[in-house]
N, C-alpha and C. Protein backbone atom coordinates (compact mmCIF):
# COMPACT_ATOMS: atom_id res chain seq x y z
N MET A 1 57.65 99.14 31.18
CA MET A 1 56.53 99.05 30.19
C MET A 1 55.93 100.41 30.11
N GLU A 2 55.45 100.79 28.97
CA GLU A 2 54.74 101.98 28.85
C GLU A 2 53.27 101.71 28.92
N ARG A 3 52.33 102.67 29.29
CA ARG A 3 50.92 102.51 29.22
C ARG A 3 50.43 102.15 27.96
N SER A 4 51.04 102.46 26.96
CA SER A 4 50.41 102.20 25.51
C SER A 4 50.59 100.75 25.33
N GLU A 5 51.46 100.14 26.06
CA GLU A 5 51.57 98.49 25.87
C GLU A 5 50.61 97.75 26.63
N PHE A 6 49.83 98.35 27.36
CA PHE A 6 48.68 97.74 28.21
C PHE A 6 47.47 97.62 27.34
N LEU A 7 46.70 96.50 27.44
CA LEU A 7 45.46 96.23 26.72
C LEU A 7 44.26 96.52 27.62
N GLY A 8 44.27 97.40 28.66
CA GLY A 8 43.26 97.72 29.46
C GLY A 8 43.48 97.47 30.88
N ALA A 9 42.65 97.44 31.82
CA ALA A 9 42.84 97.20 33.20
C ALA A 9 41.73 96.59 33.91
N VAL A 10 41.94 95.75 34.86
CA VAL A 10 40.97 95.11 35.76
C VAL A 10 40.86 95.77 37.06
N TYR A 11 39.77 96.10 37.55
CA TYR A 11 39.73 96.83 38.87
C TYR A 11 39.50 95.77 39.84
N ILE A 12 40.32 95.66 40.76
CA ILE A 12 40.10 94.50 41.79
C ILE A 12 39.95 95.25 43.24
N ALA A 13 38.80 94.84 43.90
CA ALA A 13 38.54 95.48 45.21
C ALA A 13 38.02 94.50 46.20
N ASP A 14 38.31 93.16 45.95
CA ASP A 14 37.79 92.09 46.97
C ASP A 14 38.95 91.06 46.81
N THR A 15 38.59 90.00 47.62
CA THR A 15 39.63 88.90 47.95
C THR A 15 39.59 87.71 47.14
N THR A 16 38.80 87.88 45.99
CA THR A 16 38.86 86.76 44.99
C THR A 16 39.98 86.74 44.11
N THR A 17 40.53 85.46 43.74
CA THR A 17 41.62 85.47 42.86
C THR A 17 41.34 85.87 41.43
N VAL A 18 41.97 86.76 40.97
CA VAL A 18 41.76 87.18 39.45
C VAL A 18 42.87 86.65 38.61
N SER A 19 42.43 85.84 37.74
CA SER A 19 43.43 85.21 36.70
C SER A 19 43.49 86.15 35.37
N GLY A 20 44.57 85.96 34.80
CA GLY A 20 44.79 86.85 33.54
C GLY A 20 46.30 86.88 33.29
N LYS A 21 46.63 87.85 32.41
CA LYS A 21 48.07 88.13 32.16
C LYS A 21 48.13 89.72 32.40
N PHE A 22 48.84 90.15 33.43
CA PHE A 22 48.96 91.41 33.91
C PHE A 22 50.39 91.87 33.95
N GLY A 23 50.70 93.18 33.50
CA GLY A 23 52.05 93.64 33.55
C GLY A 23 52.42 94.67 34.54
N ALA A 24 51.35 95.14 35.35
CA ALA A 24 51.60 95.97 36.35
C ALA A 24 50.37 96.02 37.26
N ILE A 25 50.64 96.16 38.52
CA ILE A 25 49.56 96.30 39.61
C ILE A 25 49.72 97.78 40.26
N GLN A 26 48.70 98.53 40.12
CA GLN A 26 48.74 99.84 40.73
C GLN A 26 47.65 100.08 41.94
N ALA A 27 48.15 100.37 43.05
CA ALA A 27 47.44 100.55 44.19
C ALA A 27 46.55 101.86 44.25
N LEU A 28 45.31 101.77 44.41
CA LEU A 28 44.46 103.04 44.44
C LEU A 28 44.17 103.40 45.81
N GLU A 29 44.46 102.39 46.77
CA GLU A 29 44.57 102.86 48.17
C GLU A 29 45.52 101.76 48.75
N ALA A 30 45.90 102.06 50.03
CA ALA A 30 46.89 101.14 50.69
C ALA A 30 46.39 99.79 50.59
N THR A 31 47.16 98.88 50.02
CA THR A 31 46.84 97.49 49.64
C THR A 31 47.69 96.48 50.29
N VAL A 32 47.27 95.20 50.52
CA VAL A 32 48.11 94.17 50.77
C VAL A 32 47.81 93.15 49.79
N LEU A 33 48.73 92.72 49.05
CA LEU A 33 48.72 91.64 47.96
C LEU A 33 48.85 90.42 48.65
N ALA A 34 47.63 89.58 48.90
CA ALA A 34 47.65 88.28 49.52
C ALA A 34 48.73 87.37 48.76
N SER A 35 48.48 87.29 47.37
CA SER A 35 49.42 86.58 46.62
C SER A 35 49.31 87.05 45.10
N GLY A 36 50.62 86.92 44.40
CA GLY A 36 50.69 87.40 43.10
C GLY A 36 51.48 86.21 42.48
N THR A 37 51.01 85.55 41.50
CA THR A 37 51.75 84.55 40.82
C THR A 37 52.55 85.24 39.43
N LEU A 38 53.83 85.02 39.47
CA LEU A 38 54.59 85.59 38.36
C LEU A 38 54.96 84.44 37.39
N SER A 39 55.23 84.87 36.16
CA SER A 39 55.44 83.90 35.16
C SER A 39 56.60 84.42 34.34
N ASP A 40 56.97 83.81 33.26
CA ASP A 40 58.05 84.14 32.29
C ASP A 40 59.46 84.02 32.88
N ASP A 41 60.18 85.15 32.87
CA ASP A 41 61.55 85.17 33.34
C ASP A 41 61.75 85.16 34.80
N ILE A 42 60.71 85.61 35.56
CA ILE A 42 60.74 85.56 37.03
C ILE A 42 59.64 84.89 37.35
N THR A 43 59.89 83.69 38.20
CA THR A 43 58.78 82.65 38.52
C THR A 43 58.70 82.79 39.80
N GLY A 44 57.48 82.37 40.46
CA GLY A 44 57.24 82.29 41.84
C GLY A 44 55.94 82.95 42.20
N THR A 45 55.74 83.05 43.63
CA THR A 45 54.61 83.70 44.19
C THR A 45 54.95 84.80 45.18
N LEU A 46 54.49 85.98 45.04
CA LEU A 46 54.69 87.09 46.03
C LEU A 46 53.45 86.85 47.04
N THR A 47 53.77 86.95 48.41
CA THR A 47 52.72 86.88 49.45
C THR A 47 52.86 87.96 50.52
N SER A 48 51.70 88.33 50.91
CA SER A 48 51.66 89.41 51.99
C SER A 48 52.58 90.79 51.74
N LEU A 49 52.40 91.18 50.33
CA LEU A 49 53.17 92.11 49.90
C LEU A 49 52.39 93.65 50.28
N PRO A 50 52.88 94.56 51.04
CA PRO A 50 52.08 95.70 51.13
C PRO A 50 52.59 96.56 50.01
N ILE A 51 51.51 97.29 49.40
CA ILE A 51 51.74 98.35 48.29
C ILE A 51 51.10 99.51 48.68
N PRO A 52 51.88 100.60 48.95
CA PRO A 52 51.32 101.84 49.24
C PRO A 52 50.47 102.55 48.26
N VAL A 53 49.51 103.36 48.67
CA VAL A 53 48.68 104.01 47.70
C VAL A 53 49.56 104.78 46.74
N GLY A 54 49.08 104.58 45.45
CA GLY A 54 49.74 105.26 44.33
C GLY A 54 50.91 104.44 43.76
N ALA A 55 51.44 103.52 44.44
CA ALA A 55 52.57 102.78 44.04
C ALA A 55 52.15 101.77 42.91
N THR A 56 53.13 101.32 41.97
CA THR A 56 52.92 100.43 40.90
C THR A 56 54.02 99.41 40.92
N ILE A 57 53.65 98.14 40.95
CA ILE A 57 54.64 97.08 40.83
C ILE A 57 54.53 96.52 39.45
N TYR A 58 55.72 95.99 38.90
CA TYR A 58 55.78 95.53 37.51
C TYR A 58 56.28 94.22 37.55
N GLY A 59 55.67 93.30 36.56
CA GLY A 59 56.20 91.96 36.46
C GLY A 59 55.01 91.33 35.50
N ILE A 60 55.21 90.07 35.26
CA ILE A 60 54.11 89.36 34.49
C ILE A 60 53.51 88.53 35.45
N PHE A 61 52.40 89.02 35.88
CA PHE A 61 51.48 88.25 36.81
C PHE A 61 50.36 87.40 36.07
N THR A 62 50.16 86.32 36.47
CA THR A 62 49.08 85.39 35.94
C THR A 62 47.87 85.26 36.91
N ALA A 63 48.13 85.64 38.11
CA ALA A 63 46.91 85.59 39.05
C ALA A 63 47.31 86.64 40.10
N VAL A 64 46.19 87.34 40.73
CA VAL A 64 46.33 88.29 41.73
C VAL A 64 45.31 88.14 42.74
N LYS A 65 45.72 88.18 43.97
CA LYS A 65 44.78 88.01 45.06
C LYS A 65 44.94 89.10 46.23
N LEU A 66 44.06 89.78 46.57
CA LEU A 66 44.13 90.85 47.61
C LEU A 66 43.85 90.35 49.08
N THR A 67 44.54 90.79 49.98
CA THR A 67 44.09 90.76 51.37
C THR A 67 43.15 91.95 51.72
N SER A 68 43.54 93.05 51.27
CA SER A 68 42.85 94.22 51.45
C SER A 68 43.31 95.42 50.39
N GLY A 69 42.58 96.41 50.24
CA GLY A 69 42.86 97.46 49.31
C GLY A 69 42.02 97.33 47.95
N LYS A 70 42.47 98.26 47.07
CA LYS A 70 41.87 98.34 45.80
C LYS A 70 43.04 98.57 44.80
N VAL A 71 43.08 97.93 43.65
CA VAL A 71 44.11 98.02 42.54
C VAL A 71 43.50 98.09 41.30
N LEU A 72 44.35 98.47 40.34
CA LEU A 72 44.11 98.28 38.88
C LEU A 72 45.22 97.40 38.43
N ALA A 73 44.88 96.28 37.85
CA ALA A 73 45.67 95.27 37.23
C ALA A 73 45.79 95.46 35.73
N TYR A 74 46.70 95.96 35.20
CA TYR A 74 46.91 96.32 33.80
C TYR A 74 47.23 94.95 32.87
N ARG A 75 46.34 94.64 31.99
CA ARG A 75 46.59 93.65 30.96
C ARG A 75 47.50 93.85 30.10
N ILE A 76 48.29 92.62 29.78
CA ILE A 76 49.15 92.67 28.60
C ILE A 76 48.98 91.60 27.63
């Protein structure tokens, strides 16, 4: 995906579950993704996934919850 395909971003810095439709999650600091719910072609839930600072993971996420860290979740 190209940045021009995103409709903005949500800043997440706490452990609340954030719902929406996100195409990428970028770590602003070392982060642990408590859970990320995937949809469409890839289904399932990622749990306890470490994301190093500056790294971006791609997929179609419908919910994101952090254990620690800060991320930008890019809307699609």
